[in-house]
Amino acid sequence: MARLAKEAGADVAKYQFYRPLEVLGKGNPFLAEAEKAQLTVMEHKALKEYCDLIGIEYCVSLFHADLVDYTEDWGMKRFK
């Protein structure tokens, strides 16, 4: 998606960074699907590095305050 966004002329590729269980709650019928779709911290880091490599800004919507530390450690310009 990042590569396609870059090829289409986008300056930023934005993703969501959250823990599905905390957002959706136990017993939510969509929890299993959300957990399969959510990237791990290391996958987000690798995606950030890939975005840097291809020259598109990596951005995330953060759902948990403690995830801000990752964005700062990775040198991100901004987050949502």
N, C-alpha and C. Protein backbone atom coordinates (compact mmCIF):
# COMPACT_ATOMS: atom_id res chain seq x y z
N MET A 1 0.82 -1.19 0.00
CA MET A 1 0.00 0.00 0.00
C MET A 1 0.87 1.25 0.00
N ALA A 2 1.96 1.23 0.75
CA ALA A 2 2.84 2.40 0.81
C ALA A 2 3.43 2.68 -0.56
N ARG A 3 3.88 1.64 -1.24
CA ARG A 3 4.47 1.82 -2.56
C ARG A 3 3.43 2.37 -3.54
N LEU A 4 2.25 1.82 -3.52
CA LEU A 4 1.18 2.30 -4.41
C LEU A 4 0.81 3.74 -4.11
N ALA A 5 0.76 4.08 -2.82
CA ALA A 5 0.46 5.47 -2.44
C ALA A 5 1.54 6.40 -2.98
N LYS A 6 2.80 6.00 -2.84
CA LYS A 6 3.92 6.80 -3.34
C LYS A 6 3.82 6.97 -4.86
N GLU A 7 3.54 5.89 -5.56
CA GLU A 7 3.42 5.94 -7.01
C GLU A 7 2.26 6.82 -7.46
N ALA A 8 1.23 6.91 -6.63
CA ALA A 8 0.06 7.73 -6.96
C ALA A 8 0.28 9.20 -6.61
N GLY A 9 1.44 9.51 -6.01
CA GLY A 9 1.76 10.90 -5.70
C GLY A 9 1.50 11.32 -4.27
N ALA A 10 1.17 10.37 -3.40
CA ALA A 10 0.92 10.71 -1.99
C ALA A 10 2.21 11.07 -1.29
N ASP A 11 2.10 11.92 -0.29
CA ASP A 11 3.24 12.31 0.53
C ASP A 11 3.31 11.49 1.82
N VAL A 12 2.16 10.93 2.23
CA VAL A 12 2.06 10.24 3.51
C VAL A 12 1.26 8.95 3.33
N ALA A 13 1.70 7.89 4.01
CA ALA A 13 0.94 6.64 4.09
C ALA A 13 0.54 6.48 5.56
N LYS A 14 -0.77 6.43 5.85
CA LYS A 14 -1.24 6.39 7.24
C LYS A 14 -1.88 5.05 7.55
N TYR A 15 -1.54 4.53 8.70
CA TYR A 15 -2.04 3.23 9.16
C TYR A 15 -2.64 3.39 10.55
N GLN A 16 -3.26 2.32 11.06
CA GLN A 16 -3.80 2.33 12.42
C GLN A 16 -2.92 1.45 13.30
N PHE A 17 -2.70 1.89 14.52
CA PHE A 17 -1.82 1.20 15.46
C PHE A 17 -2.58 1.07 16.77
N TYR A 18 -3.12 -0.11 17.04
CA TYR A 18 -3.94 -0.30 18.24
C TYR A 18 -3.93 -1.75 18.69
N ARG A 19 -4.44 -1.98 19.87
CA ARG A 19 -4.61 -3.33 20.41
C ARG A 19 -6.10 -3.66 20.33
N PRO A 20 -6.46 -4.56 19.41
CA PRO A 20 -7.88 -4.85 19.17
C PRO A 20 -8.69 -5.23 20.40
N LEU A 21 -8.13 -6.03 21.29
CA LEU A 21 -8.89 -6.45 22.47
C LEU A 21 -9.31 -5.25 23.30
N GLU A 22 -8.42 -4.26 23.45
CA GLU A 22 -8.74 -3.08 24.25
C GLU A 22 -9.74 -2.16 23.56
N VAL A 23 -9.70 -2.13 22.26
CA VAL A 23 -10.62 -1.25 21.50
C VAL A 23 -11.99 -1.90 21.34
N LEU A 24 -12.00 -3.17 20.98
CA LEU A 24 -13.27 -3.84 20.67
C LEU A 24 -13.90 -4.55 21.86
N GLY A 25 -13.08 -5.06 22.77
CA GLY A 25 -13.59 -5.77 23.94
C GLY A 25 -13.77 -7.25 23.69
N LYS A 26 -13.60 -8.00 24.76
CA LYS A 26 -13.76 -9.46 24.70
C LYS A 26 -15.18 -9.81 24.30
N GLY A 27 -15.30 -10.78 23.45
CA GLY A 27 -16.62 -11.21 23.00
C GLY A 27 -17.13 -10.49 21.77
N ASN A 28 -16.41 -9.48 21.32
CA ASN A 28 -16.83 -8.77 20.11
C ASN A 28 -16.70 -9.71 18.92
N PRO A 29 -17.73 -9.81 18.09
CA PRO A 29 -17.67 -10.74 16.95
C PRO A 29 -16.59 -10.41 15.92
N PHE A 30 -16.05 -9.21 15.95
CA PHE A 30 -15.03 -8.82 14.99
C PHE A 30 -13.61 -8.89 15.57
N LEU A 31 -13.48 -9.30 16.83
CA LEU A 31 -12.18 -9.30 17.50
C LEU A 31 -11.16 -10.20 16.80
N ALA A 32 -11.52 -11.41 16.49
CA ALA A 32 -10.56 -12.34 15.86
C ALA A 32 -10.07 -11.80 14.53
N GLU A 33 -10.97 -11.25 13.75
CA GLU A 33 -10.59 -10.67 12.46
C GLU A 33 -9.66 -9.47 12.64
N ALA A 34 -9.98 -8.61 13.60
CA ALA A 34 -9.15 -7.43 13.86
C ALA A 34 -7.76 -7.83 14.36
N GLU A 35 -7.69 -8.85 15.18
CA GLU A 35 -6.40 -9.29 15.69
C GLU A 35 -5.53 -9.86 14.57
N LYS A 36 -6.14 -10.55 13.62
CA LYS A 36 -5.37 -11.07 12.48
C LYS A 36 -4.88 -9.93 11.59
N ALA A 37 -5.64 -8.88 11.48
CA ALA A 37 -5.31 -7.78 10.58
C ALA A 37 -4.34 -6.77 11.19
N GLN A 38 -4.27 -6.70 12.52
CA GLN A 38 -3.42 -5.70 13.17
C GLN A 38 -1.96 -6.08 13.09
N LEU A 39 -1.12 -5.10 12.77
CA LEU A 39 0.32 -5.31 12.72
C LEU A 39 0.92 -5.29 14.12
N THR A 40 1.97 -6.05 14.30
CA THR A 40 2.70 -6.03 15.57
C THR A 40 3.57 -4.77 15.63
N VAL A 41 4.13 -4.50 16.79
CA VAL A 41 5.03 -3.36 16.94
C VAL A 41 6.20 -3.49 15.96
N MET A 42 6.78 -4.68 15.87
CA MET A 42 7.92 -4.88 14.97
C MET A 42 7.52 -4.75 13.50
N GLU A 43 6.32 -5.16 13.16
CA GLU A 43 5.83 -4.99 11.78
C GLU A 43 5.63 -3.51 11.46
N HIS A 44 5.11 -2.76 12.43
CA HIS A 44 4.97 -1.31 12.22
C HIS A 44 6.34 -0.67 12.04
N LYS A 45 7.31 -1.09 12.83
CA LYS A 45 8.66 -0.54 12.71
C LYS A 45 9.24 -0.85 11.33
N ALA A 46 9.08 -2.07 10.88
CA ALA A 46 9.58 -2.46 9.55
C ALA A 46 8.88 -1.67 8.46
N LEU A 47 7.59 -1.43 8.62
CA LEU A 47 6.85 -0.64 7.64
C LEU A 47 7.33 0.80 7.63
N LYS A 48 7.62 1.34 8.80
CA LYS A 48 8.17 2.70 8.89
C LYS A 48 9.51 2.77 8.14
N GLU A 49 10.36 1.77 8.35
CA GLU A 49 11.65 1.74 7.67
C GLU A 49 11.48 1.61 6.15
N TYR A 50 10.51 0.82 5.72
CA TYR A 50 10.24 0.69 4.29
C TYR A 50 9.77 2.02 3.71
N CYS A 51 8.88 2.70 4.41
CA CYS A 51 8.40 4.00 3.95
C CYS A 51 9.56 4.99 3.83
N ASP A 52 10.46 4.97 4.80
CA ASP A 52 11.65 5.83 4.73
C ASP A 52 12.46 5.50 3.48
N LEU A 53 12.62 4.22 3.22
CA LEU A 53 13.41 3.75 2.08
C LEU A 53 12.85 4.24 0.74
N ILE A 54 11.52 4.20 0.61
CA ILE A 54 10.91 4.59 -0.67
C ILE A 54 10.55 6.07 -0.74
N GLY A 55 10.74 6.78 0.36
CA GLY A 55 10.53 8.22 0.35
C GLY A 55 9.10 8.69 0.53
N ILE A 56 8.36 7.98 1.38
CA ILE A 56 7.00 8.43 1.73
C ILE A 56 6.92 8.47 3.26
N GLU A 57 6.28 9.49 3.79
CA GLU A 57 6.15 9.60 5.24
C GLU A 57 5.22 8.54 5.78
N TYR A 58 5.65 7.87 6.84
CA TYR A 58 4.84 6.88 7.53
C TYR A 58 4.13 7.59 8.68
N CYS A 59 2.83 7.38 8.80
CA CYS A 59 2.04 8.01 9.86
C CYS A 59 1.06 6.97 10.40
N VAL A 60 0.71 7.09 11.66
CA VAL A 60 -0.26 6.17 12.26
C VAL A 60 -1.29 6.92 13.07
N SER A 61 -2.49 6.35 13.12
CA SER A 61 -3.51 6.76 14.08
C SER A 61 -3.28 5.90 15.31
N LEU A 62 -2.96 6.54 16.43
CA LEU A 62 -2.69 5.82 17.67
C LEU A 62 -3.95 5.77 18.52
N PHE A 63 -4.24 4.61 19.07
CA PHE A 63 -5.40 4.44 19.91
C PHE A 63 -5.04 4.36 21.39
N HIS A 64 -3.74 4.27 21.71
CA HIS A 64 -3.29 4.10 23.09
C HIS A 64 -2.12 5.04 23.35
N ALA A 65 -2.18 5.77 24.45
CA ALA A 65 -1.15 6.77 24.76
C ALA A 65 0.24 6.17 24.87
N ASP A 66 0.36 4.94 25.36
CA ASP A 66 1.69 4.35 25.52
C ASP A 66 2.37 4.05 24.18
N LEU A 67 1.63 4.05 23.09
CA LEU A 67 2.23 3.81 21.78
C LEU A 67 2.95 5.04 21.25
N VAL A 68 2.73 6.19 21.86
CA VAL A 68 3.42 7.41 21.45
C VAL A 68 4.93 7.23 21.56
N ASP A 69 5.38 6.50 22.57
CA ASP A 69 6.81 6.28 22.76
C ASP A 69 7.46 5.68 21.52
N TYR A 70 6.76 4.75 20.87
CA TYR A 70 7.32 4.14 19.65
C TYR A 70 7.48 5.18 18.55
N THR A 71 6.47 5.99 18.38
CA THR A 71 6.56 6.99 17.30
C THR A 71 7.71 7.94 17.53
N GLU A 72 7.96 8.30 18.77
CA GLU A 72 9.08 9.18 19.08
C GLU A 72 10.41 8.47 18.87
N ASP A 73 10.51 7.22 19.29
CA ASP A 73 11.74 6.44 19.11
C ASP A 73 12.06 6.23 17.63
N TRP A 74 11.03 6.12 16.81
CA TRP A 74 11.23 5.87 15.38
C TRP A 74 11.45 7.15 14.59
N GLY A 75 11.37 8.30 15.25
CA GLY A 75 11.62 9.56 14.58
C GLY A 75 10.50 10.02 13.67
N MET A 76 9.27 9.64 13.99
CA MET A 76 8.15 10.07 13.17
C MET A 76 7.88 11.55 13.36
N LYS A 77 7.47 12.21 12.29
CA LYS A 77 7.18 13.65 12.32
C LYS A 77 5.88 13.95 13.05
N ARG A 78 4.93 13.06 12.91
CA ARG A 78 3.59 13.30 13.47
C ARG A 78 2.84 11.98 13.59
N PHE A 79 1.76 12.01 14.33
CA PHE A 79 0.83 10.90 14.41
C PHE A 79 -0.55 11.48 14.64
N LYS A 80 -1.53 10.66 14.43
CA LYS A 80 -2.92 11.11 14.59
C LYS A 80 -3.49 10.46 15.82
